[in-house]
Amino acid sequence: MKFGMRRPSLRGSLSARTKGAFTRAIRRAIIPGYGRKGMGLLRDPARSVRNRVYHRVTFSFWDLLKRLFGSGRR
């Protein structure tokens, strides 16, 4: 398990903001329960717990910037 800062991925960030967002919007409209809180735990509990731990013990470059310079929302 990794601890600390995650390696930034420009390709992953771009994908999440473009095609990924579009795909999620379509799936949310078609599949009932898709994207709802807690559905990952019902579908695959081991993966859900592993991902939850990973996101709590690591941080991204953008999280670091938010902590240093504030969130920008006031």
PDB file of N, CA and C in Angstrom:
ATOM      1  N   MET A   1       0.852  -1.181   0.000  1.00  0.00           N
ATOM      2  CA  MET A   1       0.000   0.000   0.000  1.00  0.00           C
ATOM      3  C   MET A   1       0.891   1.235   0.000  1.00  0.00           C
ATOM      4  N   LYS A   2       0.551   2.172  -0.840  1.00  0.00           N
ATOM      5  CA  LYS A   2       1.321   3.411  -0.955  1.00  0.00           C
ATOM      6  C   LYS A   2       0.904   4.393   0.137  1.00  0.00           C
ATOM      7  N   PHE A   3       1.881   5.119   0.654  1.00  0.00           N
ATOM      8  CA  PHE A   3       1.630   6.195   1.611  1.00  0.00           C
ATOM      9  C   PHE A   3       2.258   7.456   1.059  1.00  0.00           C
ATOM     10  N   GLY A   4       1.604   8.588   1.259  1.00  0.00           N
ATOM     11  CA  GLY A   4       2.167   9.848   0.804  1.00  0.00           C
ATOM     12  C   GLY A   4       1.511  10.353  -0.465  1.00  0.00           C
ATOM     13  N   MET A   5       2.300  11.078  -1.276  1.00  0.00           N
ATOM     14  CA  MET A   5       1.744  11.732  -2.454  1.00  0.00           C
ATOM     15  C   MET A   5       1.624  10.770  -3.631  1.00  0.00           C
ATOM     16  N   ARG A   6       0.452  10.812  -4.293  1.00  0.00           N
ATOM     17  CA  ARG A   6       0.246  10.042  -5.512  1.00  0.00           C
ATOM     18  C   ARG A   6       0.941  10.745  -6.666  1.00  0.00           C
ATOM     19  N   ARG A   7       1.423   9.979  -7.625  1.00  0.00           N
ATOM     20  CA  ARG A   7       2.095  10.547  -8.787  1.00  0.00           C
ATOM     21  C   ARG A   7       1.057  11.193  -9.702  1.00  0.00           C
ATOM     22  N   PRO A   8       1.213  12.470 -10.053  1.00  0.00           N
ATOM     23  CA  PRO A   8       0.212  13.122 -10.902  1.00  0.00           C
ATOM     24  C   PRO A   8       0.218  12.544 -12.319  1.00  0.00           C
ATOM     25  N   SER A   9      -0.958  12.408 -12.900  1.00  0.00           N
ATOM     26  CA  SER A   9      -1.094  11.881 -14.249  1.00  0.00           C
ATOM     27  C   SER A   9      -1.928  12.859 -15.069  1.00  0.00           C
ATOM     28  N   LEU A  10      -1.293  13.545 -15.981  1.00  0.00           N
ATOM     29  CA  LEU A  10      -1.989  14.507 -16.831  1.00  0.00           C
ATOM     30  C   LEU A  10      -3.033  13.791 -17.694  1.00  0.00           C
ATOM     31  N   ARG A  11      -2.670  12.628 -18.218  1.00  0.00           N
ATOM     32  CA  ARG A  11      -3.585  11.852 -19.062  1.00  0.00           C
ATOM     33  C   ARG A  11      -4.823  11.429 -18.279  1.00  0.00           C
ATOM     34  N   GLY A  12      -4.619  10.964 -17.050  1.00  0.00           N
ATOM     35  CA  GLY A  12      -5.743  10.545 -16.217  1.00  0.00           C
ATOM     36  C   GLY A  12      -6.657  11.703 -15.860  1.00  0.00           C
ATOM     37  N   SER A  13      -6.061  12.852 -15.550  1.00  0.00           N
ATOM     38  CA  SER A  13      -6.844  14.037 -15.204  1.00  0.00           C
ATOM     39  C   SER A  13      -7.680  14.505 -16.383  1.00  0.00           C
ATOM     40  N   LEU A  14      -7.086  14.520 -17.561  1.00  0.00           N
ATOM     41  CA  LEU A  14      -7.795  14.947 -18.759  1.00  0.00           C
ATOM     42  C   LEU A  14      -8.933  13.983 -19.077  1.00  0.00           C
ATOM     43  N   SER A  15      -8.677  12.696 -18.949  1.00  0.00           N
ATOM     44  CA  SER A  15      -9.690  11.683 -19.222  1.00  0.00           C
ATOM     45  C   SER A  15     -10.874  11.815 -18.263  1.00  0.00           C
ATOM     46  N   ALA A  16     -10.593  12.061 -16.997  1.00  0.00           N
ATOM     47  CA  ALA A  16     -11.648  12.185 -15.994  1.00  0.00           C
ATOM     48  C   ALA A  16     -12.531  13.399 -16.261  1.00  0.00           C
ATOM     49  N   ARG A  17     -11.950  14.456 -16.809  1.00  0.00           N
ATOM     50  CA  ARG A  17     -12.713  15.679 -17.051  1.00  0.00           C
ATOM     51  C   ARG A  17     -13.476  15.663 -18.371  1.00  0.00           C
ATOM     52  N   THR A  18     -13.099  14.793 -19.307  1.00  0.00           N
ATOM     53  CA  THR A  18     -13.748  14.790 -20.613  1.00  0.00           C
ATOM     54  C   THR A  18     -14.579  13.530 -20.809  1.00  0.00           C
ATOM     55  N   LYS A  19     -13.995  12.502 -21.378  1.00  0.00           N
ATOM     56  CA  LYS A  19     -14.736  11.274 -21.684  1.00  0.00           C
ATOM     57  C   LYS A  19     -15.284  10.617 -20.424  1.00  0.00           C
ATOM     58  N   GLY A  20     -14.501  10.615 -19.344  1.00  0.00           N
ATOM     59  CA  GLY A  20     -14.941   9.980 -18.103  1.00  0.00           C
ATOM     60  C   GLY A  20     -16.202  10.610 -17.550  1.00  0.00           C
ATOM     61  N   ALA A  21     -16.259  11.929 -17.550  1.00  0.00           N
ATOM     62  CA  ALA A  21     -17.429  12.641 -17.034  1.00  0.00           C
ATOM     63  C   ALA A  21     -18.652  12.369 -17.912  1.00  0.00           C
ATOM     64  N   PHE A  22     -18.446  12.318 -19.209  1.00  0.00           N
ATOM     65  CA  PHE A  22     -19.534  12.045 -20.145  1.00  0.00           C
ATOM     66  C   PHE A  22     -20.073  10.625 -19.945  1.00  0.00           C
ATOM     67  N   THR A  23     -19.168   9.663 -19.825  1.00  0.00           N
ATOM     68  CA  THR A  23     -19.556   8.264 -19.629  1.00  0.00           C
ATOM     69  C   THR A  23     -20.311   8.089 -18.319  1.00  0.00           C
ATOM     70  N   ARG A  24     -19.836   8.723 -17.253  1.00  0.00           N
ATOM     71  CA  ARG A  24     -20.512   8.618 -15.954  1.00  0.00           C
ATOM     72  C   ARG A  24     -21.909   9.228 -16.008  1.00  0.00           C
ATOM     73  N   ALA A  25     -22.068  10.328 -16.724  1.00  0.00           N
ATOM     74  CA  ALA A  25     -23.382  10.965 -16.838  1.00  0.00           C
ATOM     75  C   ALA A  25     -24.371  10.048 -17.545  1.00  0.00           C
ATOM     76  N   ILE A  26     -23.923   9.381 -18.600  1.00  0.00           N
ATOM     77  CA  ILE A  26     -24.791   8.449 -19.324  1.00  0.00           C
ATOM     78  C   ILE A  26     -25.156   7.264 -18.442  1.00  0.00           C
ATOM     79  N   ARG A  27     -24.177   6.677 -17.785  1.00  0.00           N
ATOM     80  CA  ARG A  27     -24.444   5.518 -16.926  1.00  0.00           C
ATOM     81  C   ARG A  27     -25.364   5.877 -15.773  1.00  0.00           C
ATOM     82  N   ARG A  28     -25.206   7.073 -15.228  1.00  0.00           N
ATOM     83  CA  ARG A  28     -26.056   7.508 -14.123  1.00  0.00           C
ATOM     84  C   ARG A  28     -27.506   7.620 -14.577  1.00  0.00           C
ATOM     85  N   ALA A  29     -27.711   8.013 -15.844  1.00  0.00           N
ATOM     86  CA  ALA A  29     -29.071   8.149 -16.375  1.00  0.00           C
ATOM     87  C   ALA A  29     -29.700   6.795 -16.684  1.00  0.00           C
ATOM     88  N   ILE A  30     -28.880   5.811 -17.048  1.00  0.00           N
ATOM     89  CA  ILE A  30     -29.392   4.504 -17.475  1.00  0.00           C
ATOM     90  C   ILE A  30     -29.482   3.494 -16.332  1.00  0.00           C
ATOM     91  N   ILE A  31     -28.426   3.401 -15.525  1.00  0.00           N
ATOM     92  CA  ILE A  31     -28.328   2.358 -14.499  1.00  0.00           C
ATOM     93  C   ILE A  31     -28.801   2.900 -13.151  1.00  0.00           C
ATOM     94  N   PRO A  32     -29.859   2.330 -12.586  1.00  0.00           N
ATOM     95  CA  PRO A  32     -30.309   2.800 -11.266  1.00  0.00           C
ATOM     96  C   PRO A  32     -29.283   2.451 -10.192  1.00  0.00           C
ATOM     97  N   GLY A  33     -28.978   3.402  -9.337  1.00  0.00           N
ATOM     98  CA  GLY A  33     -28.011   3.168  -8.263  1.00  0.00           C
ATOM     99  C   GLY A  33     -26.576   3.460  -8.644  1.00  0.00           C
ATOM    100  N   TYR A  34     -26.290   3.732  -9.929  1.00  0.00           N
ATOM    101  CA  TYR A  34     -24.918   4.012 -10.353  1.00  0.00           C
ATOM    102  C   TYR A  34     -24.464   5.361  -9.801  1.00  0.00           C
ATOM    103  N   GLY A  35     -23.309   5.380  -9.167  1.00  0.00           N
ATOM    104  CA  GLY A  35     -22.755   6.619  -8.642  1.00  0.00           C
ATOM    105  C   GLY A  35     -23.335   7.045  -7.313  1.00  0.00           C
ATOM    106  N   ARG A  36     -24.175   6.226  -6.714  1.00  0.00           N
ATOM    107  CA  ARG A  36     -24.754   6.568  -5.420  1.00  0.00           C
ATOM    108  C   ARG A  36     -23.804   6.161  -4.307  1.00  0.00           C
ATOM    109  N   LYS A  37     -23.827   6.903  -3.245  1.00  0.00           N
ATOM    110  CA  LYS A  37     -22.944   6.627  -2.116  1.00  0.00           C
ATOM    111  C   LYS A  37     -23.257   5.264  -1.508  1.00  0.00           C
ATOM    112  N   GLY A  38     -22.214   4.476  -1.269  1.00  0.00           N
ATOM    113  CA  GLY A  38     -22.371   3.175  -0.636  1.00  0.00           C
ATOM    114  C   GLY A  38     -22.604   2.022  -1.588  1.00  0.00           C
ATOM    115  N   MET A  39     -22.784   2.286  -2.883  1.00  0.00           N
ATOM    116  CA  MET A  39     -23.047   1.206  -3.834  1.00  0.00           C
ATOM    117  C   MET A  39     -21.809   0.346  -4.064  1.00  0.00           C
ATOM    118  N   GLY A  40     -20.627   0.932  -3.976  1.00  0.00           N
ATOM    119  CA  GLY A  40     -19.394   0.161  -4.151  1.00  0.00           C
ATOM    120  C   GLY A  40     -19.236  -0.871  -3.058  1.00  0.00           C
ATOM    121  N   LEU A  41     -19.641  -0.528  -1.860  1.00  0.00           N
ATOM    122  CA  LEU A  41     -19.545  -1.456  -0.733  1.00  0.00           C
ATOM    123  C   LEU A  41     -20.463  -2.647  -0.941  1.00  0.00           C
ATOM    124  N   LEU A  42     -21.623  -2.436  -1.540  1.00  0.00           N
ATOM    125  CA  LEU A  42     -22.542  -3.540  -1.810  1.00  0.00           C
ATOM    126  C   LEU A  42     -22.052  -4.425  -2.953  1.00  0.00           C
ATOM    127  N   ARG A  43     -21.476  -3.797  -3.965  1.00  0.00           N
ATOM    128  CA  ARG A  43     -21.076  -4.535  -5.165  1.00  0.00           C
ATOM    129  C   ARG A  43     -19.791  -5.326  -4.961  1.00  0.00           C
ATOM    130  N   ASP A  44     -18.756  -4.700  -4.377  1.00  0.00           N
ATOM    131  CA  ASP A  44     -17.462  -5.369  -4.162  1.00  0.00           C
ATOM    132  C   ASP A  44     -16.857  -4.829  -2.871  1.00  0.00           C
ATOM    133  N   PRO A  45     -17.203  -5.438  -1.728  1.00  0.00           N
ATOM    134  CA  PRO A  45     -16.778  -4.903  -0.433  1.00  0.00           C
ATOM    135  C   PRO A  45     -15.264  -4.807  -0.249  1.00  0.00           C
ATOM    136  N   ALA A  46     -14.516  -5.821  -0.679  1.00  0.00           N
ATOM    137  CA  ALA A  46     -13.060  -5.808  -0.483  1.00  0.00           C
ATOM    138  C   ALA A  46     -12.417  -4.662  -1.252  1.00  0.00           C
ATOM    139  N   ARG A  47     -12.830  -4.470  -2.488  1.00  0.00           N
ATOM    140  CA  ARG A  47     -12.279  -3.396  -3.309  1.00  0.00           C
ATOM    141  C   ARG A  47     -12.651  -2.039  -2.727  1.00  0.00           C
ATOM    142  N   SER A  48     -13.875  -1.906  -2.251  1.00  0.00           N
ATOM    143  CA  SER A  48     -14.349  -0.662  -1.681  1.00  0.00           C
ATOM    144  C   SER A  48     -13.524  -0.260  -0.452  1.00  0.00           C
ATOM    145  N   VAL A  49     -13.275  -1.217   0.417  1.00  0.00           N
ATOM    146  CA  VAL A  49     -12.492  -0.936   1.624  1.00  0.00           C
ATOM    147  C   VAL A  49     -11.055  -0.588   1.263  1.00  0.00           C
ATOM    148  N   ARG A  50     -10.467  -1.337   0.322  1.00  0.00           N
ATOM    149  CA  ARG A  50      -9.086  -1.088  -0.105  1.00  0.00           C
ATOM    150  C   ARG A  50      -8.956   0.313  -0.694  1.00  0.00           C
ATOM    151  N   ASN A  51      -9.910   0.724  -1.547  1.00  0.00           N
ATOM    152  CA  ASN A  51      -9.865   2.057  -2.150  1.00  0.00           C
ATOM    153  C   ASN A  51     -10.062   3.151  -1.110  1.00  0.00           C
ATOM    154  N   ARG A  52     -10.926   2.892  -0.138  1.00  0.00           N
ATOM    155  CA  ARG A  52     -11.168   3.888   0.899  1.00  0.00           C
ATOM    156  C   ARG A  52      -9.914   4.136   1.731  1.00  0.00           C
ATOM    157  N   VAL A  53      -9.218   3.060   2.083  1.00  0.00           N
ATOM    158  CA  VAL A  53      -7.969   3.186   2.841  1.00  0.00           C
ATOM    159  C   VAL A  53      -6.926   3.922   2.003  1.00  0.00           C
ATOM    160  N   TYR A  54      -6.794   3.550   0.733  1.00  0.00           N
ATOM    161  CA  TYR A  54      -5.816   4.169  -0.161  1.00  0.00           C
ATOM    162  C   TYR A  54      -6.025   5.680  -0.260  1.00  0.00           C
ATOM    163  N   HIS A  55      -7.274   6.098  -0.409  1.00  0.00           N
ATOM    164  CA  HIS A  55      -7.546   7.534  -0.550  1.00  0.00           C
ATOM    165  C   HIS A  55      -7.381   8.295   0.758  1.00  0.00           C
ATOM    166  N   ARG A  56      -7.385   7.588   1.885  1.00  0.00           N
ATOM    167  CA  ARG A  56      -7.154   8.260   3.165  1.00  0.00           C
ATOM    168  C   ARG A  56      -5.683   8.400   3.500  1.00  0.00           C
ATOM    169  N   VAL A  57      -4.832   7.492   3.005  1.00  0.00           N
ATOM    170  CA  VAL A  57      -3.408   7.529   3.357  1.00  0.00           C
ATOM    171  C   VAL A  57      -2.552   8.171   2.281  1.00  0.00           C
ATOM    172  N   THR A  58      -3.148   8.534   1.130  1.00  0.00           N
ATOM    173  CA  THR A  58      -2.397   9.217   0.089  1.00  0.00           C
ATOM    174  C   THR A  58      -3.055  10.568  -0.202  1.00  0.00           C
ATOM    175  N   PHE A  59      -2.329  11.417  -0.904  1.00  0.00           N
ATOM    176  CA  PHE A  59      -2.877  12.713  -1.293  1.00  0.00           C
ATOM    177  C   PHE A  59      -2.331  13.082  -2.659  1.00  0.00           C
ATOM    178  N   SER A  60      -3.034  13.923  -3.376  1.00  0.00           N
ATOM    179  CA  SER A  60      -2.609  14.314  -4.713  1.00  0.00           C
ATOM    180  C   SER A  60      -1.867  15.645  -4.664  1.00  0.00           C
ATOM    181  N   PHE A  61      -1.268  15.973  -5.777  1.00  0.00           N
ATOM    182  CA  PHE A  61      -0.588  17.248  -5.932  1.00  0.00           C
ATOM    183  C   PHE A  61      -1.566  18.399  -5.718  1.00  0.00           C
ATOM    184  N   TRP A  62      -2.803  18.245  -6.205  1.00  0.00           N
ATOM    185  CA  TRP A  62      -3.804  19.300  -6.099  1.00  0.00           C
ATOM    186  C   TRP A  62      -4.265  19.465  -4.654  1.00  0.00           C
ATOM    187  N   ASP A  63      -4.339  18.372  -3.893  1.00  0.00           N
ATOM    188  CA  ASP A  63      -4.671  18.469  -2.473  1.00  0.00           C
ATOM    189  C   ASP A  63      -3.604  19.275  -1.734  1.00  0.00           C
ATOM    190  N   LEU A  64      -2.356  19.056  -2.115  1.00  0.00           N
ATOM    191  CA  LEU A  64      -1.241  19.773  -1.509  1.00  0.00           C
ATOM    192  C   LEU A  64      -1.350  21.274  -1.783  1.00  0.00           C
ATOM    193  N   LEU A  65      -1.668  21.643  -3.030  1.00  0.00           N
ATOM    194  CA  LEU A  65      -1.823  23.060  -3.375  1.00  0.00           C
ATOM    195  C   LEU A  65      -2.982  23.699  -2.618  1.00  0.00           C
ATOM    196  N   LYS A  66      -4.075  22.959  -2.466  1.00  0.00           N
ATOM    197  CA  LYS A  66      -5.226  23.483  -1.730  1.00  0.00           C
ATOM    198  C   LYS A  66      -4.862  23.758  -0.284  1.00  0.00           C
ATOM    199  N   ARG A  67      -4.076  22.871   0.310  1.00  0.00           N
ATOM    200  CA  ARG A  67      -3.654  23.077   1.708  1.00  0.00           C
ATOM    201  C   ARG A  67      -2.714  24.259   1.840  1.00  0.00           C
ATOM    202  N   LEU A  68      -1.829  24.438   0.859  1.00  0.00           N
ATOM    203  CA  LEU A  68      -0.846  25.535   0.929  1.00  0.00           C
ATOM    204  C   LEU A  68      -1.487  26.898   0.675  1.00  0.00           C
ATOM    205  N   PHE A  69      -2.362  26.972  -0.322  1.00  0.00           N
ATOM    206  CA  PHE A  69      -2.888  28.269  -0.744  1.00  0.00           C
ATOM    207  C   PHE A  69      -4.365  28.470  -0.458  1.00  0.00           C
ATOM    208  N   GLY A  70      -5.002  27.556   0.230  1.00  0.00           N
ATOM    209  CA  GLY A  70      -6.426  27.678   0.520  1.00  0.00           C
ATOM    210  C   GLY A  70      -7.249  27.073  -0.594  1.00  0.00           C
ATOM    211  N   SER A  71      -8.499  26.854  -0.324  1.00  0.00           N
ATOM    212  CA  SER A  71      -9.358  26.171  -1.300  1.00  0.00           C
ATOM    213  C   SER A  71      -9.849  27.096  -2.399  1.00  0.00           C
ATOM    214  N   GLY A  72      -9.773  28.410  -2.224  1.00  0.00           N
ATOM    215  CA  GLY A  72     -10.227  29.349  -3.241  1.00  0.00           C
ATOM    216  C   GLY A  72     -11.675  29.751  -3.044  1.00  0.00           C
ATOM    217  N   ARG A  73     -12.413  28.997  -2.244  1.00  0.00           N
ATOM    218  CA  ARG A  73     -13.822  29.346  -1.966  1.00  0.00           C
ATOM    219  C   ARG A  73     -13.898  30.016  -0.604  1.00  0.00           C
ATOM    220  N   ARG A  74     -14.519  31.170  -0.593  1.00  0.00           N
ATOM    221  CA  ARG A  74     -14.632  31.876   0.675  1.00  0.00           C
ATOM    222  C   ARG A  74     -16.008  32.471   0.796  1.00  0.00           C
TER     223      ARG A  74
END
